[in-house]
Amino acid sequence: MRLAREAAERPSGGLRAETVLTALGQAGLAVGSQIQVLAHTIGARYCVSSATASGLALAVCEFSDEAGAEHGLAYSHRVFDRLIPGRTLLRNRSTVMTLTAGEPNAALLSEARRAVSAFVAL
């Protein structure tokens, strides 16, 4: 029920998760299907996760406003960086994208660079 409520109460305006995933696809990343994940954990209003065919995991979270996104980004760093090392977190307005490459290799690092470029260009 919580996920359904978050989906129904997505913030209006702002950078949508679907827009981010489409941009990543246009940047040449083979992004798989998206799965809604709990947004409340980091104070977001709506989050999805996905992964590329090469194994680059990503999450895109929508927040009510930029201040909330900045707070969620800081919280995620504080709580999860020690548990999941090597993540890259970026904020574009009120949307936060998290990239996790696992055991990085040249292909994953290349995908991560393209994902970052596509996200910041939106």
PDB file of N, CA and C in Angstrom:
ATOM      1  N   MET A   1       0.812  -1.193   0.000  1.00  0.00           N
ATOM      2  CA  MET A   1       0.000   0.000   0.000  1.00  0.00           C
ATOM      3  C   MET A   1       0.857   1.260   0.000  1.00  0.00           C
ATOM      4  N   ARG A   2       1.996   1.201   0.654  1.00  0.00           N
ATOM      5  CA  ARG A   2       2.863   2.384   0.709  1.00  0.00           C
ATOM      6  C   ARG A   2       3.334   2.767  -0.692  1.00  0.00           C
ATOM      7  N   LEU A   3       3.757   1.782  -1.490  1.00  0.00           N
ATOM      8  CA  LEU A   3       4.215   2.070  -2.844  1.00  0.00           C
ATOM      9  C   LEU A   3       3.092   2.662  -3.690  1.00  0.00           C
ATOM     10  N   ALA A   4       1.897   2.146  -3.555  1.00  0.00           N
ATOM     11  CA  ALA A   4       0.754   2.677  -4.306  1.00  0.00           C
ATOM     12  C   ALA A   4       0.484   4.122  -3.911  1.00  0.00           C
ATOM     13  N   ARG A   5       0.594   4.416  -2.624  1.00  0.00           N
ATOM     14  CA  ARG A   5       0.380   5.790  -2.156  1.00  0.00           C
ATOM     15  C   ARG A   5       1.460   6.722  -2.717  1.00  0.00           C
ATOM     16  N   GLU A   6       2.716   6.257  -2.697  1.00  0.00           N
ATOM     17  CA  GLU A   6       3.795   7.086  -3.243  1.00  0.00           C
ATOM     18  C   GLU A   6       3.594   7.333  -4.736  1.00  0.00           C
ATOM     19  N   ALA A   7       3.166   6.317  -5.461  1.00  0.00           N
ATOM     20  CA  ALA A   7       2.923   6.482  -6.902  1.00  0.00           C
ATOM     21  C   ALA A   7       1.791   7.468  -7.150  1.00  0.00           C
ATOM     22  N   ALA A   8       0.775   7.428  -6.324  1.00  0.00           N
ATOM     23  CA  ALA A   8      -0.373   8.319  -6.494  1.00  0.00           C
ATOM     24  C   ALA A   8      -0.067   9.758  -6.093  1.00  0.00           C
ATOM     25  N   GLU A   9       0.937   9.935  -5.243  1.00  0.00           N
ATOM     26  CA  GLU A   9       1.250  11.270  -4.714  1.00  0.00           C
ATOM     27  C   GLU A   9       2.575  11.812  -5.230  1.00  0.00           C
ATOM     28  N   ARG A  10       2.952  11.409  -6.437  1.00  0.00           N
ATOM     29  CA  ARG A  10       4.196  11.914  -7.022  1.00  0.00           C
ATOM     30  C   ARG A  10       4.141  13.427  -7.126  1.00  0.00           C
ATOM     31  N   PRO A  11       5.281  14.077  -6.963  1.00  0.00           N
ATOM     32  CA  PRO A  11       5.282  15.534  -7.100  1.00  0.00           C
ATOM     33  C   PRO A  11       4.955  15.954  -8.530  1.00  0.00           C
ATOM     34  N   SER A  12       4.234  17.042  -8.661  1.00  0.00           N
ATOM     35  CA  SER A  12       3.940  17.556 -10.007  1.00  0.00           C
ATOM     36  C   SER A  12       5.112  18.414 -10.459  1.00  0.00           C
ATOM     37  N   GLY A  13       5.318  18.445 -11.737  1.00  0.00           N
ATOM     38  CA  GLY A  13       6.450  19.201 -12.260  1.00  0.00           C
ATOM     39  C   GLY A  13       7.747  18.501 -11.911  1.00  0.00           C
ATOM     40  N   GLY A  14       8.830  19.188 -12.090  1.00  0.00           N
ATOM     41  CA  GLY A  14      10.126  18.606 -11.773  1.00  0.00           C
ATOM     42  C   GLY A  14      10.543  17.574 -12.804  1.00  0.00           C
ATOM     43  N   LEU A  15      11.675  17.023 -12.569  1.00  0.00           N
ATOM     44  CA  LEU A  15      12.280  16.043 -13.457  1.00  0.00           C
ATOM     45  C   LEU A  15      11.766  14.660 -13.084  1.00  0.00           C
ATOM     46  N   ARG A  16      11.026  14.021 -13.965  1.00  0.00           N
ATOM     47  CA  ARG A  16      10.400  12.731 -13.694  1.00  0.00           C
ATOM     48  C   ARG A  16      11.381  11.585 -13.944  1.00  0.00           C
ATOM     49  N   ALA A  17      11.193  10.501 -13.219  1.00  0.00           N
ATOM     50  CA  ALA A  17      12.049   9.326 -13.352  1.00  0.00           C
ATOM     51  C   ALA A  17      12.031   8.800 -14.783  1.00  0.00           C
ATOM     52  N   GLU A  18      10.861   8.784 -15.410  1.00  0.00           N
ATOM     53  CA  GLU A  18      10.754   8.295 -16.786  1.00  0.00           C
ATOM     54  C   GLU A  18      11.581   9.139 -17.748  1.00  0.00           C
ATOM     55  N   THR A  19      11.619  10.440 -17.512  1.00  0.00           N
ATOM     56  CA  THR A  19      12.419  11.337 -18.344  1.00  0.00           C
ATOM     57  C   THR A  19      13.898  11.003 -18.215  1.00  0.00           C
ATOM     58  N   VAL A  20      14.332  10.742 -16.987  1.00  0.00           N
ATOM     59  CA  VAL A  20      15.734  10.387 -16.746  1.00  0.00           C
ATOM     60  C   VAL A  20      16.074   9.076 -17.442  1.00  0.00           C
ATOM     61  N   LEU A  21      15.229   8.066 -17.284  1.00  0.00           N
ATOM     62  CA  LEU A  21      15.513   6.764 -17.900  1.00  0.00           C
ATOM     63  C   LEU A  21      15.506   6.846 -19.427  1.00  0.00           C
ATOM     64  N   THR A  22      14.619   7.649 -19.972  1.00  0.00           N
ATOM     65  CA  THR A  22      14.603   7.848 -21.426  1.00  0.00           C
ATOM     66  C   THR A  22      15.899   8.508 -21.887  1.00  0.00           C
ATOM     67  N   ALA A  23      16.350   9.513 -21.157  1.00  0.00           N
ATOM     68  CA  ALA A  23      17.607  10.193 -21.501  1.00  0.00           C
ATOM     69  C   ALA A  23      18.791   9.241 -21.430  1.00  0.00           C
ATOM     70  N   LEU A  24      18.784   8.361 -20.451  1.00  0.00           N
ATOM     71  CA  LEU A  24      19.875   7.385 -20.352  1.00  0.00           C
ATOM     72  C   LEU A  24      19.864   6.447 -21.554  1.00  0.00           C
ATOM     73  N   GLY A  25      18.678   6.032 -21.964  1.00  0.00           N
ATOM     74  CA  GLY A  25      18.561   5.194 -23.157  1.00  0.00           C
ATOM     75  C   GLY A  25      19.055   5.914 -24.395  1.00  0.00           C
ATOM     76  N   GLN A  26      18.718   7.190 -24.520  1.00  0.00           N
ATOM     77  CA  GLN A  26      19.169   7.982 -25.664  1.00  0.00           C
ATOM     78  C   GLN A  26      20.674   8.202 -25.639  1.00  0.00           C
ATOM     79  N   ALA A  27      21.274   8.093 -24.450  1.00  0.00           N
ATOM     80  CA  ALA A  27      22.728   8.227 -24.322  1.00  0.00           C
ATOM     81  C   ALA A  27      23.438   6.904 -24.602  1.00  0.00           C
ATOM     82  N   GLY A  28      22.663   5.881 -24.980  1.00  0.00           N
ATOM     83  CA  GLY A  28      23.256   4.611 -25.366  1.00  0.00           C
ATOM     84  C   GLY A  28      23.312   3.561 -24.275  1.00  0.00           C
ATOM     85  N   LEU A  29      22.687   3.801 -23.132  1.00  0.00           N
ATOM     86  CA  LEU A  29      22.671   2.804 -22.080  1.00  0.00           C
ATOM     87  C   LEU A  29      21.470   1.881 -22.273  1.00  0.00           C
ATOM     88  N   ALA A  30      21.708   0.593 -22.208  1.00  0.00           N
ATOM     89  CA  ALA A  30      20.632  -0.387 -22.333  1.00  0.00           C
ATOM     90  C   ALA A  30      19.993  -0.570 -20.960  1.00  0.00           C
ATOM     91  N   VAL A  31      19.062   0.326 -20.642  1.00  0.00           N
ATOM     92  CA  VAL A  31      18.414   0.326 -19.332  1.00  0.00           C
ATOM     93  C   VAL A  31      17.270  -0.681 -19.336  1.00  0.00           C
ATOM     94  N   GLY A  32      17.245  -1.527 -18.309  1.00  0.00           N
ATOM     95  CA  GLY A  32      16.191  -2.529 -18.191  1.00  0.00           C
ATOM     96  C   GLY A  32      14.906  -1.918 -17.671  1.00  0.00           C
ATOM     97  N   SER A  33      13.968  -2.780 -17.345  1.00  0.00           N
ATOM     98  CA  SER A  33      12.683  -2.290 -16.849  1.00  0.00           C
ATOM     99  C   SER A  33      12.869  -1.625 -15.488  1.00  0.00           C
ATOM    100  N   GLN A  34      11.967  -0.706 -15.211  1.00  0.00           N
ATOM    101  CA  GLN A  34      12.041   0.006 -13.940  1.00  0.00           C
ATOM    102  C   GLN A  34      11.131  -0.659 -12.922  1.00  0.00           C
ATOM    103  N   ILE A  35      11.562  -0.593 -11.677  1.00  0.00           N
ATOM    104  CA  ILE A  35      10.803  -1.150 -10.570  1.00  0.00           C
ATOM    105  C   ILE A  35      10.649  -0.059  -9.525  1.00  0.00           C
ATOM    106  N   GLN A  36       9.436   0.191  -9.104  1.00  0.00           N
ATOM    107  CA  GLN A  36       9.224   1.180  -8.059  1.00  0.00           C
ATOM    108  C   GLN A  36       9.777   0.632  -6.747  1.00  0.00           C
ATOM    109  N   VAL A  37      10.496   1.486  -6.028  1.00  0.00           N
ATOM    110  CA  VAL A  37      11.054   1.124  -4.723  1.00  0.00           C
ATOM    111  C   VAL A  37      10.617   2.160  -3.704  1.00  0.00           C
ATOM    112  N   LEU A  38      10.732   1.822  -2.441  1.00  0.00           N
ATOM    113  CA  LEU A  38      10.271   2.689  -1.370  1.00  0.00           C
ATOM    114  C   LEU A  38      11.031   4.009  -1.360  1.00  0.00           C
ATOM    115  N   ALA A  39      10.312   5.098  -1.500  1.00  0.00           N
ATOM    116  CA  ALA A  39      10.906   6.435  -1.535  1.00  0.00           C
ATOM    117  C   ALA A  39      11.057   7.033  -0.149  1.00  0.00           C
ATOM    118  N   HIS A  40      10.170   6.670   0.741  1.00  0.00           N
ATOM    119  CA  HIS A  40      10.121   7.250   2.088  1.00  0.00           C
ATOM    120  C   HIS A  40      11.451   7.104   2.826  1.00  0.00           C
ATOM    121  N   THR A  41      12.183   6.050   2.541  1.00  0.00           N
ATOM    122  CA  THR A  41      13.439   5.767   3.237  1.00  0.00           C
ATOM    123  C   THR A  41      14.379   6.973   3.222  1.00  0.00           C
ATOM    124  N   ILE A  42      14.460   7.678   2.100  1.00  0.00           N
ATOM    125  CA  ILE A  42      15.353   8.838   2.028  1.00  0.00           C
ATOM    126  C   ILE A  42      14.580  10.154   1.952  1.00  0.00           C
ATOM    127  N   GLY A  43      13.294  10.097   2.232  1.00  0.00           N
ATOM    128  CA  GLY A  43      12.489  11.315   2.234  1.00  0.00           C
ATOM    129  C   GLY A  43      11.999  11.742   0.869  1.00  0.00           C
ATOM    130  N   ALA A  44      12.091  10.852  -0.113  1.00  0.00           N
ATOM    131  CA  ALA A  44      11.616  11.177  -1.459  1.00  0.00           C
ATOM    132  C   ALA A  44      10.116  10.928  -1.547  1.00  0.00           C
ATOM    133  N   ARG A  45       9.540  11.381  -2.633  1.00  0.00           N
ATOM    134  CA  ARG A  45       8.114  11.151  -2.869  1.00  0.00           C
ATOM    135  C   ARG A  45       7.876   9.935  -3.759  1.00  0.00           C
ATOM    136  N   TYR A  46       8.855   9.633  -4.645  1.00  0.00           N
ATOM    137  CA  TYR A  46       8.705   8.518  -5.580  1.00  0.00           C
ATOM    138  C   TYR A  46      10.092   8.094  -6.039  1.00  0.00           C
ATOM    139  N   CYS A  47      10.346   6.787  -6.100  1.00  0.00           N
ATOM    140  CA  CYS A  47      11.641   6.267  -6.559  1.00  0.00           C
ATOM    141  C   CYS A  47      11.445   5.038  -7.432  1.00  0.00           C
ATOM    142  N   VAL A  48      12.314   4.897  -8.414  1.00  0.00           N
ATOM    143  CA  VAL A  48      12.391   3.683  -9.213  1.00  0.00           C
ATOM    144  C   VAL A  48      13.845   3.239  -9.276  1.00  0.00           C
ATOM    145  N   SER A  49      14.020   1.946  -9.477  1.00  0.00           N
ATOM    146  CA  SER A  49      15.362   1.431  -9.699  1.00  0.00           C
ATOM    147  C   SER A  49      15.367   0.643 -11.004  1.00  0.00           C
ATOM    148  N   SER A  50      16.556   0.511 -11.545  1.00  0.00           N
ATOM    149  CA  SER A  50      16.737  -0.230 -12.780  1.00  0.00           C
ATOM    150  C   SER A  50      18.208  -0.608 -12.855  1.00  0.00           C
ATOM    151  N   ALA A  51      18.591  -1.229 -13.931  1.00  0.00           N
ATOM    152  CA  ALA A  51      19.992  -1.574 -14.159  1.00  0.00           C
ATOM    153  C   ALA A  51      20.222  -1.672 -15.654  1.00  0.00           C
ATOM    154  N   THR A  52      21.447  -1.475 -16.046  1.00  0.00           N
ATOM    155  CA  THR A  52      21.797  -1.636 -17.451  1.00  0.00           C
ATOM    156  C   THR A  52      22.149  -3.100 -17.704  1.00  0.00           C
ATOM    157  N   ALA A  53      22.230  -3.461 -18.956  1.00  0.00           N
ATOM    158  CA  ALA A  53      22.594  -4.828 -19.326  1.00  0.00           C
ATOM    159  C   ALA A  53      23.985  -5.186 -18.815  1.00  0.00           C
ATOM    160  N   SER A  54      24.857  -4.185 -18.665  1.00  0.00           N
ATOM    161  CA  SER A  54      26.217  -4.425 -18.175  1.00  0.00           C
ATOM    162  C   SER A  54      26.297  -4.542 -16.667  1.00  0.00           C
ATOM    163  N   GLY A  55      25.219  -4.179 -15.962  1.00  0.00           N
ATOM    164  CA  GLY A  55      25.210  -4.309 -14.508  1.00  0.00           C
ATOM    165  C   GLY A  55      25.330  -3.016 -13.736  1.00  0.00           C
ATOM    166  N   LEU A  56      25.218  -1.869 -14.385  1.00  0.00           N
ATOM    167  CA  LEU A  56      25.226  -0.599 -13.669  1.00  0.00           C
ATOM    168  C   LEU A  56      23.846  -0.418 -13.037  1.00  0.00           C
ATOM    169  N   ALA A  57      23.790  -0.449 -11.715  1.00  0.00           N
ATOM    170  CA  ALA A  57      22.524  -0.269 -11.003  1.00  0.00           C
ATOM    171  C   ALA A  57      22.258   1.222 -10.848  1.00  0.00           C
ATOM    172  N   LEU A  58      20.983   1.587 -10.972  1.00  0.00           N
ATOM    173  CA  LEU A  58      20.643   2.989 -10.805  1.00  0.00           C
ATOM    174  C   LEU A  58      19.302   3.131 -10.116  1.00  0.00           C
ATOM    175  N   ALA A  59      19.183   4.226  -9.397  1.00  0.00           N
ATOM    176  CA  ALA A  59      17.914   4.588  -8.761  1.00  0.00           C
ATOM    177  C   ALA A  59      17.665   6.055  -9.056  1.00  0.00           C
ATOM    178  N   VAL A  60      16.419   6.381  -9.323  1.00  0.00           N
ATOM    179  CA  VAL A  60      16.022   7.763  -9.583  1.00  0.00           C
ATOM    180  C   VAL A  60      14.893   8.085  -8.621  1.00  0.00           C
ATOM    181  N   CYS A  61      15.084   9.151  -7.838  1.00  0.00           N
ATOM    182  CA  CYS A  61      14.103   9.538  -6.828  1.00  0.00           C
ATOM    183  C   CYS A  61      13.652  10.971  -7.040  1.00  0.00           C
ATOM    184  N   GLU A  62      12.343  11.147  -6.984  1.00  0.00           N
ATOM    185  CA  GLU A  62      11.720  12.469  -7.127  1.00  0.00           C
ATOM    186  C   GLU A  62      11.375  12.998  -5.737  1.00  0.00           C
ATOM    187  N   PHE A  63      11.701  14.264  -5.505  1.00  0.00           N
ATOM    188  CA  PHE A  63      11.415  14.935  -4.239  1.00  0.00           C
ATOM    189  C   PHE A  63      10.449  16.088  -4.483  1.00  0.00           C
ATOM    190  N   SER A  64       9.858  16.585  -3.426  1.00  0.00           N
ATOM    191  CA  SER A  64       8.914  17.695  -3.534  1.00  0.00           C
ATOM    192  C   SER A  64       9.576  18.966  -4.027  1.00  0.00           C
ATOM    193  N   ASP A  65      10.810  19.188  -3.609  1.00  0.00           N
ATOM    194  CA  ASP A  65      11.507  20.419  -3.970  1.00  0.00           C
ATOM    195  C   ASP A  65      13.014  20.195  -3.881  1.00  0.00           C
ATOM    196  N   GLU A  66      13.772  21.207  -4.262  1.00  0.00           N
ATOM    197  CA  GLU A  66      15.227  21.086  -4.281  1.00  0.00           C
ATOM    198  C   GLU A  66      15.811  20.902  -2.891  1.00  0.00           C
ATOM    199  N   ALA A  67      15.239  21.585  -1.898  1.00  0.00           N
ATOM    200  CA  ALA A  67      15.738  21.446  -0.529  1.00  0.00           C
ATOM    201  C   ALA A  67      15.544  20.009  -0.039  1.00  0.00           C
ATOM    202  N   GLY A  68      14.407  19.419  -0.343  1.00  0.00           N
ATOM    203  CA  GLY A  68      14.163  18.034   0.036  1.00  0.00           C
ATOM    204  C   GLY A  68      15.125  17.089  -0.658  1.00  0.00           C
ATOM    205  N   ALA A  69      15.406  17.366  -1.924  1.00  0.00           N
ATOM    206  CA  ALA A  69      16.350  16.535  -2.674  1.00  0.00           C
ATOM    207  C   ALA A  69      17.750  16.632  -2.076  1.00  0.00           C
ATOM    208  N   GLU A  70      18.145  17.824  -1.689  1.00  0.00           N
ATOM    209  CA  GLU A  70      19.465  18.009  -1.081  1.00  0.00           C
ATOM    210  C   GLU A  70      19.541  17.279   0.261  1.00  0.00           C
ATOM    211  N   HIS A  71      18.468  17.341   1.022  1.00  0.00           N
ATOM    212  CA  HIS A  71      18.415  16.638   2.304  1.00  0.00           C
ATOM    213  C   HIS A  71      18.465  15.120   2.082  1.00  0.00           C
ATOM    214  N   GLY A  72      17.715  14.619   1.114  1.00  0.00           N
ATOM    215  CA  GLY A  72      17.712  13.192   0.813  1.00  0.00           C
ATOM    216  C   GLY A  72      19.065  12.703   0.334  1.00  0.00           C
ATOM    217  N   LEU A  73      19.725  13.514  -0.474  1.00  0.00           N
ATOM    218  CA  LEU A  73      21.057  13.174  -0.963  1.00  0.00           C
ATOM    219  C   LEU A  73      22.032  13.076   0.212  1.00  0.00           C
ATOM    220  N   ALA A  74      21.994  14.055   1.104  1.00  0.00           N
ATOM    221  CA  ALA A  74      22.880  14.048   2.276  1.00  0.00           C
ATOM    222  C   ALA A  74      22.581  12.849   3.179  1.00  0.00           C
ATOM    223  N   TYR A  75      21.311  12.556   3.385  1.00  0.00           N
ATOM    224  CA  TYR A  75      20.921  11.415   4.205  1.00  0.00           C
ATOM    225  C   TYR A  75      21.429  10.112   3.585  1.00  0.00           C
ATOM    226  N   SER A  76      21.254   9.961   2.285  1.00  0.00           N
ATOM    227  CA  SER A  76      21.704   8.754   1.613  1.00  0.00           C
ATOM    228  C   SER A  76      23.208   8.573   1.764  1.00  0.00           C
ATOM    229  N   HIS A  77      23.960   9.654   1.609  1.00  0.00           N
ATOM    230  CA  HIS A  77      25.417   9.573   1.813  1.00  0.00           C
ATOM    231  C   HIS A  77      25.728   9.136   3.239  1.00  0.00           C
ATOM    232  N   ARG A  78      25.096   9.782   4.194  1.00  0.00           N
ATOM    233  CA  ARG A  78      25.379   9.527   5.602  1.00  0.00           C
ATOM    234  C   ARG A  78      25.054   8.079   6.009  1.00  0.00           C
ATOM    235  N   VAL A  79      23.952   7.557   5.544  1.00  0.00           N
ATOM    236  CA  VAL A  79      23.497   6.243   5.982  1.00  0.00           C
ATOM    237  C   VAL A  79      24.028   5.097   5.118  1.00  0.00           C
ATOM    238  N   PHE A  80      24.077   5.288   3.807  1.00  0.00           N
ATOM    239  CA  PHE A  80      24.344   4.160   2.918  1.00  0.00           C
ATOM    240  C   PHE A  80      25.754   4.094   2.332  1.00  0.00           C
ATOM    241  N   ASP A  81      26.529   5.172   2.381  1.00  0.00           N
ATOM    242  CA  ASP A  81      27.868   5.126   1.781  1.00  0.00           C
ATOM    243  C   ASP A  81      28.736   4.036   2.398  1.00  0.00           C
ATOM    244  N   ARG A  82      28.654   3.848   3.699  1.00  0.00           N
ATOM    245  CA  ARG A  82      29.491   2.833   4.334  1.00  0.00           C
ATOM    246  C   ARG A  82      28.984   1.418   4.030  1.00  0.00           C
ATOM    247  N   LEU A  83      27.693   1.298   3.750  1.00  0.00           N
ATOM    248  CA  LEU A  83      27.115  -0.011   3.441  1.00  0.00           C
ATOM    249  C   LEU A  83      27.284  -0.394   1.974  1.00  0.00           C
ATOM    250  N   ILE A  84      27.251   0.621   1.090  1.00  0.00           N
ATOM    251  CA  ILE A  84      27.359   0.389  -0.355  1.00  0.00           C
ATOM    252  C   ILE A  84      28.432   1.331  -0.898  1.00  0.00           C
ATOM    253  N   PRO A  85      29.697   0.957  -0.753  1.00  0.00           N
ATOM    254  CA  PRO A  85      30.772   1.853  -1.207  1.00  0.00           C
ATOM    255  C   PRO A  85      30.803   1.986  -2.730  1.00  0.00           C
ATOM    256  N   GLY A  86      31.332   3.101  -3.177  1.00  0.00           N
ATOM    257  CA  GLY A  86      31.528   3.311  -4.608  1.00  0.00           C
ATOM    258  C   GLY A  86      30.335   3.862  -5.352  1.00  0.00           C
ATOM    259  N   ARG A  87      29.292   4.271  -4.633  1.00  0.00           N
ATOM    260  CA  ARG A  87      28.123   4.834  -5.307  1.00  0.00           C
ATOM    261  C   ARG A  87      28.425   6.260  -5.774  1.00  0.00           C
ATOM    262  N   THR A  88      27.705   6.685  -6.792  1.00  0.00           N
ATOM    263  CA  THR A  88      27.739   8.069  -7.246  1.00  0.00           C
ATOM    264  C   THR A  88      26.324   8.608  -7.110  1.00  0.00           C
ATOM    265  N   LEU A  89      26.180   9.720  -6.403  1.00  0.00           N
ATOM    266  CA  LEU A  89      24.877  10.367  -6.237  1.00  0.00           C
ATOM    267  C   LEU A  89      24.929  11.747  -6.857  1.00  0.00           C
ATOM    268  N   LEU A  90      23.885  12.066  -7.605  1.00  0.00           N
ATOM    269  CA  LEU A  90      23.799  13.357  -8.278  1.00  0.00           C
ATOM    270  C   LEU A  90      22.412  13.940  -8.059  1.00  0.00           C
ATOM    271  N   ARG A  91      22.356  15.261  -7.970  1.00  0.00           N
ATOM    272  CA  ARG A  91      21.065  15.934  -7.877  1.00  0.00           C
ATOM    273  C   ARG A  91      20.907  16.864  -9.067  1.00  0.00           C
ATOM    274  N   ASN A  92      19.747  16.802  -9.697  1.00  0.00           N
ATOM    275  CA  ASN A  92      19.373  17.730 -10.756  1.00  0.00           C
ATOM    276  C   ASN A  92      18.021  18.300 -10.338  1.00  0.00           C
ATOM    277  N   ARG A  93      18.027  19.512  -9.898  1.00  0.00           N
ATOM    278  CA  ARG A  93      16.836  20.157  -9.341  1.00  0.00           C
ATOM    279  C   ARG A  93      16.285  19.318  -8.193  1.00  0.00           C
ATOM    280  N   SER A  94      15.072  18.823  -8.319  1.00  0.00           N
ATOM    281  CA  SER A  94      14.463  18.072  -7.212  1.00  0.00           C
ATOM    282  C   SER A  94      14.499  16.563  -7.437  1.00  0.00           C
ATOM    283  N   THR A  95      15.422  16.103  -8.259  1.00  0.00           N
ATOM    284  CA  THR A  95      15.558  14.678  -8.553  1.00  0.00           C
ATOM    285  C   THR A  95      16.984  14.227  -8.231  1.00  0.00           C
ATOM    286  N   VAL A  96      17.088  13.063  -7.609  1.00  0.00           N
ATOM    287  CA  VAL A  96      18.387  12.492  -7.258  1.00  0.00           C
ATOM    288  C   VAL A  96      18.548  11.165  -7.992  1.00  0.00           C
ATOM    289  N   MET A  97      19.715  10.981  -8.597  1.00  0.00           N
ATOM    290  CA  MET A  97      20.047   9.721  -9.255  1.00  0.00           C
ATOM    291  C   MET A  97      21.242   9.104  -8.544  1.00  0.00           C
ATOM    292  N   THR A  98      21.136   7.815  -8.253  1.00  0.00           N
ATOM    293  CA  THR A  98      22.214   7.059  -7.619  1.00  0.00           C
ATOM    294  C   THR A  98      22.685   5.992  -8.599  1.00  0.00           C
ATOM    295  N   LEU A  99      23.987   5.937  -8.808  1.00  0.00           N
ATOM    296  CA  LEU A  99      24.601   4.930  -9.676  1.00  0.00           C
ATOM    297  C   LEU A  99      25.500   4.046  -8.829  1.00  0.00           C
ATOM    298  N   THR A 100      25.404   2.733  -9.027  1.00  0.00           N
ATOM    299  CA  THR A 100      26.259   1.793  -8.315  1.00  0.00           C
ATOM    300  C   THR A 100      26.820   0.814  -9.332  1.00  0.00           C
ATOM    301  N   ALA A 101      28.143   0.834  -9.463  1.00  0.00           N
ATOM    302  CA  ALA A 101      28.791   0.007 -10.482  1.00  0.00           C
ATOM    303  C   ALA A 101      29.247  -1.336  -9.947  1.00  0.00           C
ATOM    304  N   GLY A 102      29.125  -1.562  -8.651  1.00  0.00           N
ATOM    305  CA  GLY A 102      29.630  -2.828  -8.115  1.00  0.00           C
ATOM    306  C   GLY A 102      31.129  -2.905  -8.307  1.00  0.00           C
ATOM    307  N   GLU A 103      31.589  -3.976  -8.900  1.00  0.00           N
ATOM    308  CA  GLU A 103      33.016  -4.117  -9.202  1.00  0.00           C
ATOM    309  C   GLU A 103      33.280  -3.411 -10.528  1.00  0.00           C
ATOM    310  N   PRO A 104      33.813  -2.186 -10.466  1.00  0.00           N
ATOM    311  CA  PRO A 104      33.937  -1.407 -11.706  1.00  0.00           C
ATOM    312  C   PRO A 104      34.910  -2.014 -12.709  1.00  0.00           C
ATOM    313  N   ASN A 105      34.525  -1.879 -13.955  1.00  0.00           N
ATOM    314  CA  ASN A 105      35.404  -2.243 -15.057  1.00  0.00           C
ATOM    315  C   ASN A 105      35.245  -1.147 -16.109  1.00  0.00           C
ATOM    316  N   ALA A 106      35.967  -1.232 -17.188  1.00  0.00           N
ATOM    317  CA  ALA A 106      35.959  -0.167 -18.193  1.00  0.00           C
ATOM    318  C   ALA A 106      34.558   0.073 -18.754  1.00  0.00           C
ATOM    319  N   ALA A 107      33.818  -0.986 -19.010  1.00  0.00           N
ATOM    320  CA  ALA A 107      32.476  -0.830 -19.580  1.00  0.00           C
ATOM    321  C   ALA A 107      31.532  -0.134 -18.604  1.00  0.00           C
ATOM    322  N   LEU A 108      31.564  -0.541 -17.332  1.00  0.00           N
ATOM    323  CA  LEU A 108      30.695   0.081 -16.337  1.00  0.00           C
ATOM    324  C   LEU A 108      31.073   1.540 -16.093  1.00  0.00           C
ATOM    325  N   LEU A 109      32.352   1.821 -16.059  1.00  0.00           N
ATOM    326  CA  LEU A 109      32.790   3.207 -15.858  1.00  0.00           C
ATOM    327  C   LEU A 109      32.379   4.082 -17.031  1.00  0.00           C
ATOM    328  N   SER A 110      32.450   3.548 -18.237  1.00  0.00           N
ATOM    329  CA  SER A 110      32.006   4.287 -19.416  1.00  0.00           C
ATOM    330  C   SER A 110      30.504   4.564 -19.332  1.00  0.00           C
ATOM    331  N   GLU A 111      29.728   3.551 -18.950  1.00  0.00           N
ATOM    332  CA  GLU A 111      28.289   3.748 -18.790  1.00  0.00           C
ATOM    333  C   GLU A 111      27.986   4.787 -17.726  1.00  0.00           C
ATOM    334  N   ALA A 112      28.703   4.719 -16.621  1.00  0.00           N
ATOM    335  CA  ALA A 112      28.481   5.679 -15.539  1.00  0.00           C
ATOM    336  C   ALA A 112      28.754   7.102 -16.018  1.00  0.00           C
ATOM    337  N   ARG A 113      29.817   7.292 -16.779  1.00  0.00           N
ATOM    338  CA  ARG A 113      30.132   8.637 -17.309  1.00  0.00           C
ATOM    339  C   ARG A 113      29.020   9.129 -18.235  1.00  0.00           C
ATOM    340  N   ARG A 114      28.521   8.243 -19.095  1.00  0.00           N
ATOM    341  CA  ARG A 114      27.430   8.630 -19.996  1.00  0.00           C
ATOM    342  C   ARG A 114      26.155   8.934 -19.212  1.00  0.00           C
ATOM    343  N   ALA A 115      25.894   8.154 -18.170  1.00  0.00           N
ATOM    344  CA  ALA A 115      24.709   8.385 -17.343  1.00  0.00           C
ATOM    345  C   ALA A 115      24.798   9.733 -16.639  1.00  0.00           C
ATOM    346  N   VAL A 116      25.956  10.053 -16.098  1.00  0.00           N
ATOM    347  CA  VAL A 116      26.152  11.344 -15.438  1.00  0.00           C
ATOM    348  C   VAL A 116      25.948  12.478 -16.430  1.00  0.00           C
ATOM    349  N   SER A 117      26.545  12.372 -17.594  1.00  0.00           N
ATOM    350  CA  SER A 117      26.415  13.432 -18.598  1.00  0.00           C
ATOM    351  C   SER A 117      24.963  13.627 -19.022  1.00  0.00           C
ATOM    352  N   ALA A 118      24.255  12.531 -19.237  1.00  0.00           N
ATOM    353  CA  ALA A 118      22.856  12.622 -19.649  1.00  0.00           C
ATOM    354  C   ALA A 118      22.001  13.249 -18.551  1.00  0.00           C
ATOM    355  N   PHE A 119      22.256  12.875 -17.310  1.00  0.00           N
ATOM    356  CA  PHE A 119      21.451  13.373 -16.181  1.00  0.00           C
ATOM    357  C   PHE A 119      21.659  14.872 -15.962  1.00  0.00           C
ATOM    358  N   VAL A 120      22.917  15.296 -15.967  1.00  0.00           N
ATOM    359  CA  VAL A 120      23.163  16.722 -15.705  1.00  0.00           C
ATOM    360  C   VAL A 120      22.698  17.599 -16.863  1.00  0.00           C
ATOM    361  N   ALA A 121      22.568  17.031 -18.059  1.00  0.00           N
ATOM    362  CA  ALA A 121      22.128  17.811 -19.220  1.00  0.00           C
ATOM    363  C   ALA A 121      20.612  18.047 -19.250  1.00  0.00           C
ATOM    364  N   LEU A 122      19.870  17.311 -18.426  1.00  0.00           N
ATOM    365  CA  LEU A 122      18.410  17.460 -18.429  1.00  0.00           C
ATOM    366  C   LEU A 122      17.968  18.768 -17.795  1.00  0.00           C
TER     367      LEU A 122
END
